[in-house]
Amino acid sequence: MAQFESSYEEFTRRDAAVVFIAAQKIEGIFRGKEHVEKRKYPFPLVFDETRKVTRAYGVYHGLGLDAYNIAHPATFVIGREGGIRWIAVSPSQRERPPIPDILSAIEACDKY
């Protein structure tokens, strides 16, 4: 979330909304509620406590070497019409797509 926070102005300049979905309990061991209240991110953060959203988007991660019952980190660019235009699913909890790649995907949506 930190990389998005520092680039948030780039997203708003492109009229793109940023929403984070965390596959964890809001009051769970990772202290999600506490973290969000302390950080005050400029974008909304939704807690997918039942994993309904992560399952629907195909990124649920039941069991792996680096995670249990969460989601693969994934970035979706959704066009104005509501369809998914670009997806990046990270192979591990530590990897994320570079911000320039995401911004390029957003700009490509405007060309269609």
C-alpha atoms as a PDB file:
ATOM      1  CA  MET A   1       0.000   0.000   0.000  1.00  0.00           C
ATOM      2  CA  ALA A   2       2.932   2.306   0.627  1.00  0.00           C
ATOM      3  CA  GLN A   3       3.963   2.346  -3.039  1.00  0.00           C
ATOM      4  CA  PHE A   4       0.400   3.281  -4.026  1.00  0.00           C
ATOM      5  CA  GLU A   5       0.228   5.928  -1.344  1.00  0.00           C
ATOM      6  CA  SER A   6       3.386   7.627  -2.609  1.00  0.00           C
ATOM      7  CA  SER A   7       2.063   7.474  -6.204  1.00  0.00           C
ATOM      8  CA  TYR A   8      -1.537   8.320  -5.382  1.00  0.00           C
ATOM      9  CA  GLU A   9      -1.383  11.673  -7.170  1.00  0.00           C
ATOM     10  CA  GLU A  10      -0.385   9.883 -10.397  1.00  0.00           C
ATOM     11  CA  PHE A  11      -3.556   7.795 -10.184  1.00  0.00           C
ATOM     12  CA  THR A  12      -5.829  10.736  -9.454  1.00  0.00           C
ATOM     13  CA  ARG A  13      -4.250  12.672 -12.323  1.00  0.00           C
ATOM     14  CA  ARG A  14      -5.446   9.850 -14.589  1.00  0.00           C
ATOM     15  CA  ASP A  15      -8.911   9.907 -13.000  1.00  0.00           C
ATOM     16  CA  ALA A  16      -8.333   6.395 -11.635  1.00  0.00           C
ATOM     17  CA  ALA A  17      -9.826   5.168  -8.378  1.00  0.00           C
ATOM     18  CA  VAL A  18      -7.637   3.071  -6.089  1.00  0.00           C
ATOM     19  CA  VAL A  19      -9.269   0.549  -3.747  1.00  0.00           C
ATOM     20  CA  PHE A  20      -7.409  -2.038  -1.690  1.00  0.00           C
ATOM     21  CA  ILE A  21      -8.993  -5.324  -0.684  1.00  0.00           C
ATOM     22  CA  ALA A  22      -7.252  -7.131   2.150  1.00  0.00           C
ATOM     23  CA  ALA A  23      -7.966 -10.846   2.569  1.00  0.00           C
ATOM     24  CA  GLN A  24      -7.809 -10.758   6.332  1.00  0.00           C
ATOM     25  CA  LYS A  25      -9.939 -10.187   9.389  1.00  0.00           C
ATOM     26  CA  ILE A  26     -10.260  -6.553  10.381  1.00  0.00           C
ATOM     27  CA  GLU A  27      -9.642  -7.483  14.032  1.00  0.00           C
ATOM     28  CA  GLY A  28      -7.270 -10.372  13.236  1.00  0.00           C
ATOM     29  CA  ILE A  29      -3.687 -11.074  14.194  1.00  0.00           C
ATOM     30  CA  PHE A  30      -2.333  -8.644  11.583  1.00  0.00           C
ATOM     31  CA  ARG A  31      -4.201  -5.771  13.299  1.00  0.00           C
ATOM     32  CA  GLY A  32      -5.733  -4.442  10.095  1.00  0.00           C
ATOM     33  CA  LYS A  33      -8.070  -1.964  11.752  1.00  0.00           C
ATOM     34  CA  GLU A  34      -5.268  -0.570  13.891  1.00  0.00           C
ATOM     35  CA  HIS A  35      -2.985  -0.215  10.887  1.00  0.00           C
ATOM     36  CA  VAL A  36      -5.568   1.594   8.754  1.00  0.00           C
ATOM     37  CA  GLU A  37      -6.541   3.962  11.563  1.00  0.00           C
ATOM     38  CA  LYS A  38      -2.903   4.821  12.157  1.00  0.00           C
ATOM     39  CA  ARG A  39      -1.907   5.271   8.474  1.00  0.00           C
ATOM     40  CA  LYS A  40      -4.998   7.118   7.173  1.00  0.00           C
ATOM     41  CA  TYR A  41      -4.496   6.109   3.536  1.00  0.00           C
ATOM     42  CA  PRO A  42      -5.979   8.398   0.851  1.00  0.00           C
ATOM     43  CA  PHE A  43      -7.839   5.433  -0.698  1.00  0.00           C
ATOM     44  CA  PRO A  44     -10.405   3.015   0.734  1.00  0.00           C
ATOM     45  CA  LEU A  45      -9.369  -0.333   2.161  1.00  0.00           C
ATOM     46  CA  VAL A  46     -11.931  -3.128   2.276  1.00  0.00           C
ATOM     47  CA  PHE A  47     -11.425  -6.204   4.440  1.00  0.00           C
ATOM     48  CA  ASP A  48     -12.478  -9.408   2.676  1.00  0.00           C
ATOM     49  CA  GLU A  49     -12.956 -11.356   5.896  1.00  0.00           C
ATOM     50  CA  THR A  50     -14.878 -14.225   4.266  1.00  0.00           C
ATOM     51  CA  ARG A  51     -12.589 -14.335   1.194  1.00  0.00           C
ATOM     52  CA  LYS A  52     -15.661 -13.987  -1.013  1.00  0.00           C
ATOM     53  CA  VAL A  53     -14.079 -11.284  -3.195  1.00  0.00           C
ATOM     54  CA  THR A  54     -10.698 -12.988  -3.545  1.00  0.00           C
ATOM     55  CA  ARG A  55     -12.429 -16.239  -4.538  1.00  0.00           C
ATOM     56  CA  ALA A  56     -14.648 -14.431  -7.062  1.00  0.00           C
ATOM     57  CA  TYR A  57     -11.607 -12.841  -8.734  1.00  0.00           C
ATOM     58  CA  GLY A  58      -9.633 -16.091  -8.730  1.00  0.00           C
ATOM     59  CA  VAL A  59      -6.800 -14.993  -6.449  1.00  0.00           C
ATOM     60  CA  TYR A  60      -7.697 -16.922  -3.278  1.00  0.00           C
ATOM     61  CA  HIS A  61      -4.619 -18.628  -1.854  1.00  0.00           C
ATOM     62  CA  GLY A  62      -5.637 -21.441   0.474  1.00  0.00           C
ATOM     63  CA  LEU A  63      -2.235 -22.877   1.232  1.00  0.00           C
ATOM     64  CA  GLY A  64       1.261 -22.108   0.047  1.00  0.00           C
ATOM     65  CA  LEU A  65       4.830 -21.699   1.178  1.00  0.00           C
ATOM     66  CA  ASP A  66       4.342 -18.038   2.045  1.00  0.00           C
ATOM     67  CA  ALA A  67       0.678 -17.800   2.978  1.00  0.00           C
ATOM     68  CA  TYR A  68      -2.354 -19.532   4.397  1.00  0.00           C
ATOM     69  CA  ASN A  69      -5.999 -18.632   3.722  1.00  0.00           C
ATOM     70  CA  ILE A  70      -5.392 -15.241   2.131  1.00  0.00           C
ATOM     71  CA  ALA A  71      -4.987 -14.051  -1.443  1.00  0.00           C
ATOM     72  CA  HIS A  72      -2.201 -13.765  -3.935  1.00  0.00           C
ATOM     73  CA  PRO A  73      -1.388 -10.071  -4.193  1.00  0.00           C
ATOM     74  CA  ALA A  74      -3.170  -8.975  -7.354  1.00  0.00           C
ATOM     75  CA  THR A  75      -3.747  -5.730  -9.193  1.00  0.00           C
ATOM     76  CA  PHE A  76      -6.762  -5.258 -11.435  1.00  0.00           C
ATOM     77  CA  VAL A  77      -7.360  -2.328 -13.761  1.00  0.00           C
ATOM     78  CA  ILE A  78     -11.055  -2.048 -14.456  1.00  0.00           C
ATOM     79  CA  GLY A  79     -12.251   0.098 -17.331  1.00  0.00           C
ATOM     80  CA  ARG A  80     -14.985   2.695 -17.115  1.00  0.00           C
ATOM     81  CA  GLU A  81     -17.449   0.181 -18.556  1.00  0.00           C
ATOM     82  CA  GLY A  82     -16.774  -2.140 -15.603  1.00  0.00           C
ATOM     83  CA  GLY A  83     -14.771  -4.857 -17.343  1.00  0.00           C
ATOM     84  CA  ILE A  84     -11.358  -6.035 -16.234  1.00  0.00           C
ATOM     85  CA  ARG A  85      -8.796  -4.610 -18.653  1.00  0.00           C
ATOM     86  CA  TRP A  86      -5.501  -5.676 -17.031  1.00  0.00           C
ATOM     87  CA  ILE A  87      -4.448  -8.134 -14.313  1.00  0.00           C
ATOM     88  CA  ALA A  88      -1.172  -8.742 -12.512  1.00  0.00           C
ATOM     89  CA  VAL A  89      -1.107 -11.619 -10.008  1.00  0.00           C
ATOM     90  CA  SER A  90       2.039 -11.807  -7.924  1.00  0.00           C
ATOM     91  CA  PRO A  91       3.624 -15.210  -7.285  1.00  0.00           C
ATOM     92  CA  SER A  92       4.494 -14.321  -3.679  1.00  0.00           C
ATOM     93  CA  GLN A  93       3.419 -12.006  -0.869  1.00  0.00           C
ATOM     94  CA  ARG A  94       6.490  -9.833  -1.382  1.00  0.00           C
ATOM     95  CA  GLU A  95       6.132  -9.051  -5.073  1.00  0.00           C
ATOM     96  CA  ARG A  96       3.975  -6.368  -6.681  1.00  0.00           C
ATOM     97  CA  PRO A  97       3.785  -5.004 -10.219  1.00  0.00           C
ATOM     98  CA  PRO A  98       5.747  -1.802 -10.776  1.00  0.00           C
ATOM     99  CA  ILE A  99       3.667   1.376 -10.560  1.00  0.00           C
ATOM    100  CA  PRO A 100       4.679   2.467 -14.101  1.00  0.00           C
ATOM    101  CA  ASP A 101       3.181  -0.781 -15.477  1.00  0.00           C
ATOM    102  CA  ILE A 102      -0.101  -0.113 -13.682  1.00  0.00           C
ATOM    103  CA  LEU A 103      -0.206   3.495 -14.884  1.00  0.00           C
ATOM    104  CA  SER A 104       0.436   2.327 -18.456  1.00  0.00           C
ATOM    105  CA  ALA A 105      -2.454  -0.126 -18.181  1.00  0.00           C
ATOM    106  CA  ILE A 106      -4.722   2.688 -16.986  1.00  0.00           C
ATOM    107  CA  GLU A 107      -3.689   4.896 -19.886  1.00  0.00           C
ATOM    108  CA  ALA A 108      -4.315   2.033 -22.333  1.00  0.00           C
ATOM    109  CA  CYS A 109      -7.927   1.856 -21.113  1.00  0.00           C
ATOM    110  CA  ASP A 110      -8.525   5.394 -22.380  1.00  0.00           C
ATOM    111  CA  LYS A 111      -7.426   4.392 -25.883  1.00  0.00           C
ATOM    112  CA  TYR A 112     -10.257   1.871 -26.376  1.00  0.00           C
END
